[in-house]
């Protein structure tokens, strides 16, 4: 039985995972210079201009908000986004995921935190 088959058999669903930090008082946030809420606020401001430049900036800021949130989730799972362990890379390779997405997006899909169709690039 392959690793992927064993995951299917166990019906492991990490979308319902609850992380409780030990030691109390520990925050599950990650300190960024600009946090996801800031990027979303900028995206809303940018799109309200209704100009091409504002719309493009809005999309960029929305993507940055998503990237920050993914980095926060990975950090809270003990995976630093700038130094992914080999074991995590091996884990992701066990899944049939779209090749047109970033490694972090594939990892989020492999952990069942977001469906693959949601994180892959749209086909044009």
PDB file of N, CA and C in Angstrom:
ATOM      1  N   UNK A   1       0.849  -1.180   0.000  1.00  0.00           N
ATOM      2  CA  UNK A   1       0.000   0.000   0.000  1.00  0.00           C
ATOM      3  C   UNK A   1       0.896   1.245   0.000  1.00  0.00           C
ATOM      4  N   UNK A   2       0.593   2.193  -0.878  1.00  0.00           N
ATOM      5  CA  UNK A   2       1.367   3.420  -0.943  1.00  0.00           C
ATOM      6  C   UNK A   2       0.948   4.363   0.185  1.00  0.00           C
ATOM      7  N   UNK A   3       1.761   5.370   0.409  1.00  0.00           N
ATOM      8  CA  UNK A   3       1.461   6.366   1.444  1.00  0.00           C
ATOM      9  C   UNK A   3       0.147   7.073   1.140  1.00  0.00           C
ATOM     10  N   UNK A   4      -0.039   7.436  -0.116  1.00  0.00           N
ATOM     11  CA  UNK A   4      -1.270   8.127  -0.508  1.00  0.00           C
ATOM     12  C   UNK A   4      -2.490   7.240  -0.269  1.00  0.00           C
ATOM     13  N   UNK A   5      -2.385   5.958  -0.585  1.00  0.00           N
ATOM     14  CA  UNK A   5      -3.493   5.031  -0.344  1.00  0.00           C
ATOM     15  C   UNK A   5      -3.789   4.912   1.148  1.00  0.00           C
ATOM     16  N   UNK A   6      -2.740   4.882   1.956  1.00  0.00           N
ATOM     17  CA  UNK A   6      -2.965   4.779   3.400  1.00  0.00           C
ATOM     18  C   UNK A   6      -3.628   6.040   3.945  1.00  0.00           C
ATOM     19  N   UNK A   7      -3.305   7.197   3.386  1.00  0.00           N
ATOM     20  CA  UNK A   7      -3.982   8.421   3.807  1.00  0.00           C
ATOM     21  C   UNK A   7      -5.463   8.376   3.458  1.00  0.00           C
ATOM     22  N   UNK A   8      -5.770   7.875   2.261  1.00  0.00           N
ATOM     23  CA  UNK A   8      -7.179   7.754   1.859  1.00  0.00           C
ATOM     24  C   UNK A   8      -7.924   6.768   2.753  1.00  0.00           C
ATOM     25  N   UNK A   9      -7.273   5.665   3.091  1.00  0.00           N
ATOM     26  CA  UNK A   9      -7.911   4.652   3.944  1.00  0.00           C
ATOM     27  C   UNK A   9      -8.176   5.173   5.350  1.00  0.00           C
ATOM     28  N   UNK A  10      -7.286   6.008   5.856  1.00  0.00           N
ATOM     29  CA  UNK A  10      -7.475   6.543   7.212  1.00  0.00           C
ATOM     30  C   UNK A  10      -8.437   7.719   7.213  1.00  0.00           C
ATOM     31  N   UNK A  11      -8.738   8.234   6.012  1.00  0.00           N
ATOM     32  CA  UNK A  11      -9.648   9.371   5.870  1.00  0.00           C
ATOM     33  C   UNK A  11      -9.197  10.562   6.716  1.00  0.00           C
ATOM     34  N   UNK A  12      -7.896  10.786   6.737  1.00  0.00           N
ATOM     35  CA  UNK A  12      -7.324  11.903   7.467  1.00  0.00           C
ATOM     36  C   UNK A  12      -7.769  13.209   6.820  1.00  0.00           C
ATOM     37  N   UNK A  13      -8.457  14.040   7.568  1.00  0.00           N
ATOM     38  CA  UNK A  13      -8.966  15.313   7.055  1.00  0.00           C
ATOM     39  C   UNK A  13      -8.413  16.447   7.907  1.00  0.00           C
ATOM     40  N   UNK A  14      -7.335  17.052   7.423  1.00  0.00           N
ATOM     41  CA  UNK A  14      -6.695  18.122   8.189  1.00  0.00           C
ATOM     42  C   UNK A  14      -7.448  19.440   8.101  1.00  0.00           C
ATOM     43  N   UNK A  15      -8.523  19.490   7.333  1.00  0.00           N
ATOM     44  CA  UNK A  15      -9.290  20.732   7.249  1.00  0.00           C
ATOM     45  C   UNK A  15     -10.039  20.995   8.553  1.00  0.00           C
ATOM     46  N   UNK A  16     -10.152  19.986   9.401  1.00  0.00           N
ATOM     47  CA  UNK A  16     -10.842  20.154  10.679  1.00  0.00           C
ATOM     48  C   UNK A  16      -9.866  20.129  11.857  1.00  0.00           C
ATOM     49  N   UNK A  17      -8.591  20.312  11.571  1.00  0.00           N
ATOM     50  CA  UNK A  17      -7.567  20.267  12.603  1.00  0.00           C
ATOM     51  C   UNK A  17      -7.691  21.476  13.540  1.00  0.00           C
ATOM     52  N   UNK A  18      -7.458  21.244  14.799  1.00  0.00           N
ATOM     53  CA  UNK A  18      -7.436  22.315  15.786  1.00  0.00           C
ATOM     54  C   UNK A  18      -6.053  22.303  16.415  1.00  0.00           C
ATOM     55  N   UNK A  19      -5.391  23.425  16.384  1.00  0.00           N
ATOM     56  CA  UNK A  19      -4.054  23.532  16.960  1.00  0.00           C
ATOM     57  C   UNK A  19      -4.172  24.323  18.250  1.00  0.00           C
ATOM     58  N   UNK A  20      -3.749  23.710  19.339  1.00  0.00           N
ATOM     59  CA  UNK A  20      -3.771  24.373  20.635  1.00  0.00           C
ATOM     60  C   UNK A  20      -2.326  24.502  21.087  1.00  0.00           C
ATOM     61  N   UNK A  21      -1.832  25.744  21.159  1.00  0.00           N
ATOM     62  CA  UNK A  21      -0.434  25.913  21.566  1.00  0.00           C
ATOM     63  C   UNK A  21      -0.239  25.504  23.021  1.00  0.00           C
ATOM     64  N   UNK A  22       0.872  24.847  23.301  1.00  0.00           N
ATOM     65  CA  UNK A  22       1.160  24.470  24.676  1.00  0.00           C
ATOM     66  C   UNK A  22       1.800  25.645  25.403  1.00  0.00           C
ATOM     67  N   UNK A  23       1.717  25.643  26.692  1.00  0.00           N
ATOM     68  CA  UNK A  23       2.344  26.697  27.476  1.00  0.00           C
ATOM     69  C   UNK A  23       1.472  27.916  27.634  1.00  0.00           C
ATOM     70  N   UNK A  24       0.306  27.929  27.037  1.00  0.00           N
ATOM     71  CA  UNK A  24      -0.606  29.069  27.175  1.00  0.00           C
ATOM     72  C   UNK A  24       0.018  30.367  26.686  1.00  0.00           C
ATOM     73  N   UNK A  25      -0.785  31.277  26.318  1.00  0.00           N
ATOM     74  CA  UNK A  25      -0.328  32.605  25.922  1.00  0.00           C
ATOM     75  C   UNK A  25       0.441  32.663  24.624  1.00  0.00           C
ATOM     76  N   UNK A  26       0.681  31.527  23.989  1.00  0.00           N
ATOM     77  CA  UNK A  26       1.404  31.517  22.732  1.00  0.00           C
ATOM     78  C   UNK A  26       0.454  31.900  21.616  1.00  0.00           C
ATOM     79  N   UNK A  27       0.907  32.796  20.769  1.00  0.00           N
ATOM     80  CA  UNK A  27       0.070  33.250  19.665  1.00  0.00           C
ATOM     81  C   UNK A  27       0.314  32.383  18.434  1.00  0.00           C
ATOM     82  N   UNK A  28      -0.741  32.153  17.663  1.00  0.00           N
ATOM     83  CA  UNK A  28      -0.596  31.425  16.415  1.00  0.00           C
ATOM     84  C   UNK A  28      -0.365  32.365  15.246  1.00  0.00           C
ATOM     85  N   UNK A  29      -0.088  33.607  15.537  1.00  0.00           N
ATOM     86  CA  UNK A  29       0.206  34.570  14.476  1.00  0.00           C
ATOM     87  C   UNK A  29       1.695  34.573  14.187  1.00  0.00           C
ATOM     88  N   UNK A  30       2.027  35.043  13.024  1.00  0.00           N
ATOM     89  CA  UNK A  30       3.426  35.182  12.625  1.00  0.00           C
ATOM     90  C   UNK A  30       3.644  36.646  12.325  1.00  0.00           C
ATOM     91  N   UNK A  31       4.710  37.207  12.839  1.00  0.00           N
ATOM     92  CA  UNK A  31       4.942  38.635  12.664  1.00  0.00           C
ATOM     93  C   UNK A  31       5.550  38.943  11.301  1.00  0.00           C
ATOM     94  N   UNK A  32       4.751  39.557  10.452  1.00  0.00           N
ATOM     95  CA  UNK A  32       5.205  40.080   9.174  1.00  0.00           C
ATOM     96  C   UNK A  32       5.249  41.592   9.288  1.00  0.00           C
ATOM     97  N   UNK A  33       6.074  42.238   8.490  1.00  0.00           N
ATOM     98  CA  UNK A  33       6.076  43.701   8.475  1.00  0.00           C
ATOM     99  C   UNK A  33       4.697  44.214   8.069  1.00  0.00           C
ATOM    100  N   UNK A  34       4.087  43.528   7.115  1.00  0.00           N
ATOM    101  CA  UNK A  34       2.723  43.836   6.681  1.00  0.00           C
ATOM    102  C   UNK A  34       1.953  42.530   6.783  1.00  0.00           C
ATOM    103  N   UNK A  35       0.844  42.525   7.514  1.00  0.00           N
ATOM    104  CA  UNK A  35       0.106  41.282   7.722  1.00  0.00           C
ATOM    105  C   UNK A  35      -0.996  41.107   6.674  1.00  0.00           C
ATOM    106  N   UNK A  36      -1.619  39.926   6.627  1.00  0.00           N
ATOM    107  CA  UNK A  36      -2.648  39.672   5.611  1.00  0.00           C
ATOM    108  C   UNK A  36      -3.797  40.685   5.624  1.00  0.00           C
ATOM    109  N   UNK A  37      -4.219  41.113   6.807  1.00  0.00           N
ATOM    110  CA  UNK A  37      -5.308  42.104   6.880  1.00  0.00           C
ATOM    111  C   UNK A  37      -4.911  43.424   6.226  1.00  0.00           C
ATOM    112  N   UNK A  38      -3.648  43.819   6.415  1.00  0.00           N
ATOM    113  CA  UNK A  38      -3.169  45.053   5.776  1.00  0.00           C
ATOM    114  C   UNK A  38      -3.245  44.932   4.256  1.00  0.00           C
ATOM    115  N   UNK A  39      -2.776  43.785   3.727  1.00  0.00           N
ATOM    116  CA  UNK A  39      -2.817  43.585   2.279  1.00  0.00           C
ATOM    117  C   UNK A  39      -4.249  43.616   1.753  1.00  0.00           C
ATOM    118  N   UNK A  40      -5.180  43.019   2.501  1.00  0.00           N
ATOM    119  CA  UNK A  40      -6.585  43.054   2.068  1.00  0.00           C
ATOM    120  C   UNK A  40      -7.145  44.473   2.116  1.00  0.00           C
ATOM    121  N   UNK A  41      -6.743  45.232   3.117  1.00  0.00           N
ATOM    122  CA  UNK A  41      -7.182  46.625   3.208  1.00  0.00           C
ATOM    123  C   UNK A  41      -6.662  47.410   1.997  1.00  0.00           C
ATOM    124  N   UNK A  42      -5.398  47.199   1.644  1.00  0.00           N
ATOM    125  CA  UNK A  42      -4.827  47.874   0.476  1.00  0.00           C
ATOM    126  C   UNK A  42      -5.541  47.440  -0.799  1.00  0.00           C
ATOM    127  N   UNK A  43      -5.879  46.137  -0.889  1.00  0.00           N
ATOM    128  CA  UNK A  43      -6.573  45.627  -2.077  1.00  0.00           C
ATOM    129  C   UNK A  43      -7.927  46.316  -2.237  1.00  0.00           C
ATOM    130  N   UNK A  44      -8.658  46.479  -1.136  1.00  0.00           N
ATOM    131  CA  UNK A  44      -9.960  47.150  -1.192  1.00  0.00           C
ATOM    132  C   UNK A  44      -9.804  48.607  -1.617  1.00  0.00           C
ATOM    133  N   UNK A  45      -8.786  49.281  -1.070  1.00  0.00           N
ATOM    134  CA  UNK A  45      -8.543  50.680  -1.449  1.00  0.00           C
ATOM    135  C   UNK A  45      -8.185  50.779  -2.926  1.00  0.00           C
ATOM    136  N   UNK A  46      -7.312  49.872  -3.385  1.00  0.00           N
ATOM    137  CA  UNK A  46      -6.863  49.903  -4.780  1.00  0.00           C
ATOM    138  C   UNK A  46      -8.006  49.660  -5.759  1.00  0.00           C
ATOM    139  N   UNK A  47      -8.856  48.697  -5.452  1.00  0.00           N
ATOM    140  CA  UNK A  47      -9.925  48.361  -6.396  1.00  0.00           C
ATOM    141  C   UNK A  47     -10.983  49.453  -6.443  1.00  0.00           C
ATOM    142  N   UNK A  48     -11.091  50.226  -5.393  1.00  0.00           N
ATOM    143  CA  UNK A  48     -12.108  51.286  -5.372  1.00  0.00           C
ATOM    144  C   UNK A  48     -11.788  52.419  -6.350  1.00  0.00           C
ATOM    145  N   UNK A  49     -10.546  52.492  -6.834  1.00  0.00           N
ATOM    146  CA  UNK A  49     -10.197  53.538  -7.807  1.00  0.00           C
ATOM    147  C   UNK A  49     -10.819  53.265  -9.171  1.00  0.00           C
ATOM    148  N   UNK A  50     -11.123  51.992  -9.438  1.00  0.00           N
ATOM    149  CA  UNK A  50     -11.740  51.561 -10.702  1.00  0.00           C
ATOM    150  C   UNK A  50     -10.894  51.892 -11.929  1.00  0.00           C
ATOM    151  N   UNK A  51      -9.607  52.067 -11.713  1.00  0.00           N
ATOM    152  CA  UNK A  51      -8.668  52.282 -12.811  1.00  0.00           C
ATOM    153  C   UNK A  51      -7.865  51.002 -13.010  1.00  0.00           C
ATOM    154  N   UNK A  52      -7.325  50.822 -14.190  1.00  0.00           N
ATOM    155  CA  UNK A  52      -6.561  49.605 -14.503  1.00  0.00           C
ATOM    156  C   UNK A  52      -5.439  49.383 -13.498  1.00  0.00           C
ATOM    157  N   UNK A  53      -4.703  50.432 -13.211  1.00  0.00           N
ATOM    158  CA  UNK A  53      -3.583  50.313 -12.267  1.00  0.00           C
ATOM    159  C   UNK A  53      -4.078  49.877 -10.887  1.00  0.00           C
ATOM    160  N   UNK A  54      -5.179  50.432 -10.417  1.00  0.00           N
ATOM    161  CA  UNK A  54      -5.740  50.070  -9.121  1.00  0.00           C
ATOM    162  C   UNK A  54      -6.215  48.631  -9.085  1.00  0.00           C
ATOM    163  N   UNK A  55      -6.823  48.180 -10.182  1.00  0.00           N
ATOM    164  CA  UNK A  55      -7.312  46.802 -10.249  1.00  0.00           C
ATOM    165  C   UNK A  55      -6.138  45.818 -10.213  1.00  0.00           C
ATOM    166  N   UNK A  56      -5.083  46.122 -10.956  1.00  0.00           N
ATOM    167  CA  UNK A  56      -3.888  45.270 -10.954  1.00  0.00           C
ATOM    168  C   UNK A  56      -3.264  45.238  -9.566  1.00  0.00           C
ATOM    169  N   UNK A  57      -3.136  46.408  -8.930  1.00  0.00           N
ATOM    170  CA  UNK A  57      -2.581  46.462  -7.576  1.00  0.00           C
ATOM    171  C   UNK A  57      -3.461  45.699  -6.588  1.00  0.00           C
ATOM    172  N   UNK A  58      -4.762  45.769  -6.782  1.00  0.00           N
ATOM    173  CA  UNK A  58      -5.698  45.067  -5.912  1.00  0.00           C
ATOM    174  C   UNK A  58      -5.481  43.557  -5.980  1.00  0.00           C
ATOM    175  N   UNK A  59      -5.339  43.041  -7.178  1.00  0.00           N
ATOM    176  CA  UNK A  59      -5.104  41.608  -7.354  1.00  0.00           C
ATOM    177  C   UNK A  59      -3.770  41.206  -6.716  1.00  0.00           C
ATOM    178  N   UNK A  60      -2.738  42.023  -6.917  1.00  0.00           N
ATOM    179  CA  UNK A  60      -1.427  41.734  -6.327  1.00  0.00           C
ATOM    180  C   UNK A  60      -1.499  41.718  -4.805  1.00  0.00           C
ATOM    181  N   UNK A  61      -2.196  42.687  -4.230  1.00  0.00           N
ATOM    182  CA  UNK A  61      -2.298  42.741  -2.772  1.00  0.00           C
ATOM    183  C   UNK A  61      -3.143  41.605  -2.220  1.00  0.00           C
ATOM    184  N   UNK A  62      -4.179  41.184  -2.940  1.00  0.00           N
ATOM    185  CA  UNK A  62      -4.979  40.036  -2.505  1.00  0.00           C
ATOM    186  C   UNK A  62      -4.119  38.768  -2.510  1.00  0.00           C
ATOM    187  N   UNK A  63      -3.292  38.602  -3.548  1.00  0.00           N
ATOM    188  CA  UNK A  63      -2.397  37.447  -3.611  1.00  0.00           C
ATOM    189  C   UNK A  63      -1.384  37.484  -2.463  1.00  0.00           C
ATOM    190  N   UNK A  64      -0.868  38.657  -2.155  1.00  0.00           N
ATOM    191  CA  UNK A  64       0.075  38.779  -1.034  1.00  0.00           C
ATOM    192  C   UNK A  64      -0.594  38.401   0.290  1.00  0.00           C
ATOM    193  N   UNK A  65      -1.863  38.766   0.446  1.00  0.00           N
ATOM    194  CA  UNK A  65      -2.601  38.406   1.660  1.00  0.00           C
ATOM    195  C   UNK A  65      -2.697  36.885   1.792  1.00  0.00           C
ATOM    196  N   UNK A  66      -2.994  36.218   0.669  1.00  0.00           N
ATOM    197  CA  UNK A  66      -3.093  34.754   0.671  1.00  0.00           C
ATOM    198  C   UNK A  66      -1.736  34.136   0.989  1.00  0.00           C
ATOM    199  N   UNK A  67      -0.675  34.634   0.362  1.00  0.00           N
ATOM    200  CA  UNK A  67       0.676  34.119   0.616  1.00  0.00           C
ATOM    201  C   UNK A  67       1.062  34.266   2.083  1.00  0.00           C
ATOM    202  N   UNK A  68       0.754  35.424   2.673  1.00  0.00           N
ATOM    203  CA  UNK A  68       1.052  35.640   4.095  1.00  0.00           C
ATOM    204  C   UNK A  68       0.286  34.654   4.967  1.00  0.00           C
ATOM    205  N   UNK A  69      -0.970  34.425   4.632  1.00  0.00           N
ATOM    206  CA  UNK A  69      -1.792  33.510   5.424  1.00  0.00           C
ATOM    207  C   UNK A  69      -1.259  32.089   5.314  1.00  0.00           C
ATOM    208  N   UNK A  70      -0.852  31.680   4.109  1.00  0.00           N
ATOM    209  CA  UNK A  70      -0.262  30.349   3.928  1.00  0.00           C
ATOM    210  C   UNK A  70       1.014  30.232   4.749  1.00  0.00           C
ATOM    211  N   UNK A  71       1.864  31.255   4.704  1.00  0.00           N
ATOM    212  CA  UNK A  71       3.104  31.232   5.477  1.00  0.00           C
ATOM    213  C   UNK A  71       2.824  31.129   6.971  1.00  0.00           C
ATOM    214  N   UNK A  72       1.771  31.792   7.438  1.00  0.00           N
ATOM    215  CA  UNK A  72       1.393  31.723   8.849  1.00  0.00           C
ATOM    216  C   UNK A  72       0.961  30.309   9.220  1.00  0.00           C
ATOM    217  N   UNK A  73       0.134  29.691   8.381  1.00  0.00           N
ATOM    218  CA  UNK A  73      -0.329  28.320   8.642  1.00  0.00           C
ATOM    219  C   UNK A  73       0.861  27.363   8.676  1.00  0.00           C
ATOM    220  N   UNK A  74       1.742  27.467   7.684  1.00  0.00           N
ATOM    221  CA  UNK A  74       2.911  26.582   7.644  1.00  0.00           C
ATOM    222  C   UNK A  74       3.790  26.788   8.868  1.00  0.00           C
ATOM    223  N   UNK A  75       3.995  28.031   9.256  1.00  0.00           N
ATOM    224  CA  UNK A  75       4.808  28.332  10.444  1.00  0.00           C
ATOM    225  C   UNK A  75       4.206  27.669  11.683  1.00  0.00           C
ATOM    226  N   UNK A  76       2.881  27.753  11.815  1.00  0.00           N
ATOM    227  CA  UNK A  76       2.210  27.164  12.974  1.00  0.00           C
ATOM    228  C   UNK A  76       2.221  25.644  12.962  1.00  0.00           C
ATOM    229  N   UNK A  77       2.451  25.060  11.791  1.00  0.00           N
ATOM    230  CA  UNK A  77       2.615  23.610  11.690  1.00  0.00           C
ATOM    231  C   UNK A  77       4.080  23.203  11.842  1.00  0.00           C
ATOM    232  N   UNK A  78       4.951  24.189  12.093  1.00  0.00           N
ATOM    233  CA  UNK A  78       6.371  23.908  12.293  1.00  0.00           C
ATOM    234  C   UNK A  78       7.165  23.838  11.013  1.00  0.00           C
ATOM    235  N   UNK A  79       6.626  24.373   9.925  1.00  0.00           N
ATOM    236  CA  UNK A  79       7.307  24.360   8.629  1.00  0.00           C
ATOM    237  C   UNK A  79       7.632  25.797   8.251  1.00  0.00           C
ATOM    238  N   UNK A  80       8.900  26.117   8.203  1.00  0.00           N
ATOM    239  CA  UNK A  80       9.303  27.470   7.827  1.00  0.00           C
ATOM    240  C   UNK A  80       9.298  27.590   6.311  1.00  0.00           C
ATOM    241  N   UNK A  81       8.593  28.589   5.805  1.00  0.00           N
ATOM    242  CA  UNK A  81       8.387  28.735   4.368  1.00  0.00           C
ATOM    243  C   UNK A  81       9.670  28.939   3.582  1.00  0.00           C
ATOM    244  N   UNK A  82      10.727  29.417   4.214  1.00  0.00           N
ATOM    245  CA  UNK A  82      11.972  29.666   3.488  1.00  0.00           C
ATOM    246  C   UNK A  82      12.968  28.513   3.593  1.00  0.00           C
ATOM    247  N   UNK A  83      12.636  27.482   4.376  1.00  0.00           N
ATOM    248  CA  UNK A  83      13.494  26.295   4.440  1.00  0.00           C
ATOM    249  C   UNK A  83      12.629  25.047   4.659  1.00  0.00           C
ATOM    250  N   UNK A  84      12.091  24.557   3.553  1.00  0.00           N
ATOM    251  CA  UNK A  84      11.200  23.398   3.576  1.00  0.00           C
ATOM    252  C   UNK A  84      12.043  22.129   3.743  1.00  0.00           C
ATOM    253  N   UNK A  85      11.754  21.309   4.756  1.00  0.00           N
ATOM    254  CA  UNK A  85      12.503  20.058   4.941  1.00  0.00           C
ATOM    255  C   UNK A  85      12.279  19.068   3.802  1.00  0.00           C
ATOM    256  N   UNK A  86      13.274  18.223   3.544  1.00  0.00           N
ATOM    257  CA  UNK A  86      13.174  17.197   2.505  1.00  0.00           C
ATOM    258  C   UNK A  86      11.988  16.274   2.755  1.00  0.00           C
ATOM    259  N   UNK A  87      11.713  15.961   4.024  1.00  0.00           N
ATOM    260  CA  UNK A  87      10.598  15.055   4.331  1.00  0.00           C
ATOM    261  C   UNK A  87       9.270  15.646   3.870  1.00  0.00           C
ATOM    262  N   UNK A  88       9.132  16.968   3.925  1.00  0.00           N
ATOM    263  CA  UNK A  88       7.905  17.622   3.474  1.00  0.00           C
ATOM    264  C   UNK A  88       7.820  17.550   1.952  1.00  0.00           C
ATOM    265  N   UNK A  89       8.952  17.740   1.275  1.00  0.00           N
ATOM    266  CA  UNK A  89       8.975  17.628  -0.188  1.00  0.00           C
ATOM    267  C   UNK A  89       8.575  16.217  -0.611  1.00  0.00           C
ATOM    268  N   UNK A  90       9.084  15.213   0.092  1.00  0.00           N
ATOM    269  CA  UNK A  90       8.747  13.820  -0.210  1.00  0.00           C
ATOM    270  C   UNK A  90       7.257  13.578   0.007  1.00  0.00           C
ATOM    271  N   UNK A  91       6.703  14.126   1.083  1.00  0.00           N
ATOM    272  CA  UNK A  91       5.277  14.000   1.384  1.00  0.00           C
ATOM    273  C   UNK A  91       4.436  14.553   0.245  1.00  0.00           C
ATOM    274  N   UNK A  92       4.774  15.742  -0.246  1.00  0.00           N
ATOM    275  CA  UNK A  92       3.991  16.391  -1.305  1.00  0.00           C
ATOM    276  C   UNK A  92       4.043  15.590  -2.601  1.00  0.00           C
ATOM    277  N   UNK A  93       5.164  14.954  -2.877  1.00  0.00           N
ATOM    278  CA  UNK A  93       5.302  14.164  -4.106  1.00  0.00           C
ATOM    279  C   UNK A  93       4.376  12.943  -4.132  1.00  0.00           C
ATOM    280  N   UNK A  94       3.839  12.559  -2.987  1.00  0.00           N
ATOM    281  CA  UNK A  94       2.926  11.408  -2.922  1.00  0.00           C
ATOM    282  C   UNK A  94       1.552  11.729  -3.492  1.00  0.00           C
ATOM    283  N   UNK A  95       1.295  12.979  -3.791  1.00  0.00           N
ATOM    284  CA  UNK A  95      -0.031  13.398  -4.246  1.00  0.00           C
ATOM    285  C   UNK A  95       0.009  13.817  -5.706  1.00  0.00           C
ATOM    286  N   UNK A  96      -1.079  13.596  -6.382  1.00  0.00           N
ATOM    287  CA  UNK A  96      -1.215  13.977  -7.785  1.00  0.00           C
ATOM    288  C   UNK A  96      -1.725  15.415  -7.828  1.00  0.00           C
ATOM    289  N   UNK A  97      -0.803  16.357  -7.821  1.00  0.00           N
ATOM    290  CA  UNK A  97      -1.160  17.777  -7.781  1.00  0.00           C
ATOM    291  C   UNK A  97      -0.712  18.471  -9.051  1.00  0.00           C
ATOM    292  N   UNK A  98      -1.411  19.541  -9.391  1.00  0.00           N
ATOM    293  CA  UNK A  98      -1.072  20.305 -10.601  1.00  0.00           C
ATOM    294  C   UNK A  98       0.365  20.801 -10.517  1.00  0.00           C
ATOM    295  N   UNK A  99       1.072  20.705 -11.631  1.00  0.00           N
ATOM    296  CA  UNK A  99       2.468  21.144 -11.672  1.00  0.00           C
ATOM    297  C   UNK A  99       2.620  22.642 -11.884  1.00  0.00           C
ATOM    298  N   UNK A 100       1.512  23.339 -12.119  1.00  0.00           N
ATOM    299  CA  UNK A 100       1.600  24.756 -12.456  1.00  0.00           C
ATOM    300  C   UNK A 100       1.427  25.676 -11.246  1.00  0.00           C
ATOM    301  N   UNK A 101       1.593  25.141 -10.036  1.00  0.00           N
ATOM    302  CA  UNK A 101       1.435  25.959  -8.839  1.00  0.00           C
ATOM    303  C   UNK A 101       2.718  25.958  -8.019  1.00  0.00           C
ATOM    304  N   UNK A 102       2.789  26.865  -7.089  1.00  0.00           N
ATOM    305  CA  UNK A 102       3.962  26.953  -6.227  1.00  0.00           C
ATOM    306  C   UNK A 102       4.012  25.754  -5.282  1.00  0.00           C
ATOM    307  N   UNK A 103       5.179  25.506  -4.742  1.00  0.00           N
ATOM    308  CA  UNK A 103       5.318  24.392  -3.813  1.00  0.00           C
ATOM    309  C   UNK A 103       4.438  24.590  -2.584  1.00  0.00           C
ATOM    310  N   UNK A 104       4.358  25.815  -2.091  1.00  0.00           N
ATOM    311  CA  UNK A 104       3.531  26.084  -0.910  1.00  0.00           C
ATOM    312  C   UNK A 104       2.063  25.777  -1.194  1.00  0.00           C
ATOM    313  N   UNK A 105       1.599  26.095  -2.384  1.00  0.00           N
ATOM    314  CA  UNK A 105       0.212  25.789  -2.739  1.00  0.00           C
ATOM    315  C   UNK A 105      -0.007  24.285  -2.811  1.00  0.00           C
ATOM    316  N   UNK A 106       0.973  23.561  -3.354  1.00  0.00           N
ATOM    317  CA  UNK A 106       0.874  22.101  -3.404  1.00  0.00           C
ATOM    318  C   UNK A 106       0.838  21.525  -1.991  1.00  0.00           C
ATOM    319  N   UNK A 107       1.643  22.077  -1.104  1.00  0.00           N
ATOM    320  CA  UNK A 107       1.689  21.590   0.272  1.00  0.00           C
ATOM    321  C   UNK A 107       0.356  21.811   0.972  1.00  0.00           C
ATOM    322  N   UNK A 108      -0.244  22.973   0.782  1.00  0.00           N
ATOM    323  CA  UNK A 108      -1.548  23.268   1.378  1.00  0.00           C
ATOM    324  C   UNK A 108      -2.593  22.281   0.851  1.00  0.00           C
ATOM    325  N   UNK A 109      -2.513  21.949  -0.434  1.00  0.00           N
ATOM    326  CA  UNK A 109      -3.435  20.953  -1.003  1.00  0.00           C
ATOM    327  C   UNK A 109      -3.166  19.564  -0.441  1.00  0.00           C
ATOM    328  N   UNK A 110      -1.893  19.183  -0.345  1.00  0.00           N
ATOM    329  CA  UNK A 110      -1.532  17.860   0.172  1.00  0.00           C
ATOM    330  C   UNK A 110      -1.992  17.693   1.617  1.00  0.00           C
ATOM    331  N   UNK A 111      -1.968  18.756   2.387  1.00  0.00           N
ATOM    332  CA  UNK A 111      -2.425  18.708   3.779  1.00  0.00           C
ATOM    333  C   UNK A 111      -3.945  18.786   3.882  1.00  0.00           C
ATOM    334  N   UNK A 112      -4.601  18.907   2.739  1.00  0.00           N
ATOM    335  CA  UNK A 112      -6.060  18.982   2.661  1.00  0.00           C
ATOM    336  C   UNK A 112      -6.603  20.237   3.356  1.00  0.00           C
ATOM    337  N   UNK A 113      -5.821  21.302   3.308  1.00  0.00           N
ATOM    338  CA  UNK A 113      -6.264  22.578   3.875  1.00  0.00           C
ATOM    339  C   UNK A 113      -6.935  23.436   2.811  1.00  0.00           C
ATOM    340  N   UNK A 114      -6.713  23.111   1.560  1.00  0.00           N
ATOM    341  CA  UNK A 114      -7.375  23.781   0.437  1.00  0.00           C
ATOM    342  C   UNK A 114      -7.411  22.803  -0.727  1.00  0.00           C
ATOM    343  N   UNK A 115      -8.517  22.743  -1.444  1.00  0.00           N
ATOM    344  CA  UNK A 115      -8.587  21.821  -2.581  1.00  0.00           C
ATOM    345  C   UNK A 115      -7.649  22.243  -3.706  1.00  0.00           C
ATOM    346  N   UNK A 116      -7.140  21.267  -4.425  1.00  0.00           N
ATOM    347  CA  UNK A 116      -6.182  21.517  -5.503  1.00  0.00           C
ATOM    348  C   UNK A 116      -6.733  22.485  -6.548  1.00  0.00           C
ATOM    349  N   UNK A 117      -8.021  22.360  -6.899  1.00  0.00           N
ATOM    350  CA  UNK A 117      -8.579  23.242  -7.928  1.00  0.00           C
ATOM    351  C   UNK A 117      -8.576  24.702  -7.479  1.00  0.00           C
ATOM    352  N   UNK A 118      -8.569  24.938  -6.179  1.00  0.00           N
ATOM    353  CA  UNK A 118      -8.605  26.296  -5.661  1.00  0.00           C
ATOM    354  C   UNK A 118      -7.241  26.977  -5.730  1.00  0.00           C
ATOM    355  N   UNK A 119      -6.168  26.215  -5.566  1.00  0.00           N
ATOM    356  CA  UNK A 119      -4.838  26.808  -5.506  1.00  0.00           C
ATOM    357  C   UNK A 119      -4.053  26.727  -6.802  1.00  0.00           C
ATOM    358  N   UNK A 120      -4.550  25.990  -7.775  1.00  0.00           N
ATOM    359  CA  UNK A 120      -3.811  25.915  -9.047  1.00  0.00           C
ATOM    360  C   UNK A 120      -4.146  27.108  -9.930  1.00  0.00           C
ATOM    361  N   UNK A 121      -3.259  27.345 -10.886  1.00  0.00           N
ATOM    362  CA  UNK A 121      -3.477  28.454 -11.831  1.00  0.00           C
ATOM    363  C   UNK A 121      -4.625  28.092 -12.758  1.00  0.00           C
ATOM    364  N   UNK A 122      -5.460  29.059 -13.078  1.00  0.00           N
ATOM    365  CA  UNK A 122      -6.586  28.765 -13.982  1.00  0.00           C
ATOM    366  C   UNK A 122      -6.086  28.489 -15.394  1.00  0.00           C
ATOM    367  N   UNK A 123      -6.797  27.613 -16.083  1.00  0.00           N
ATOM    368  CA  UNK A 123      -6.458  27.331 -17.471  1.00  0.00           C
ATOM    369  C   UNK A 123      -7.110  28.384 -18.347  1.00  0.00           C
ATOM    370  N   UNK A 124      -6.331  28.941 -19.235  1.00  0.00           N
ATOM    371  CA  UNK A 124      -6.852  29.992 -20.124  1.00  0.00           C
ATOM    372  C   UNK A 124      -7.137  29.459 -21.494  1.00  0.00           C
TER     373      UNK A 124
END
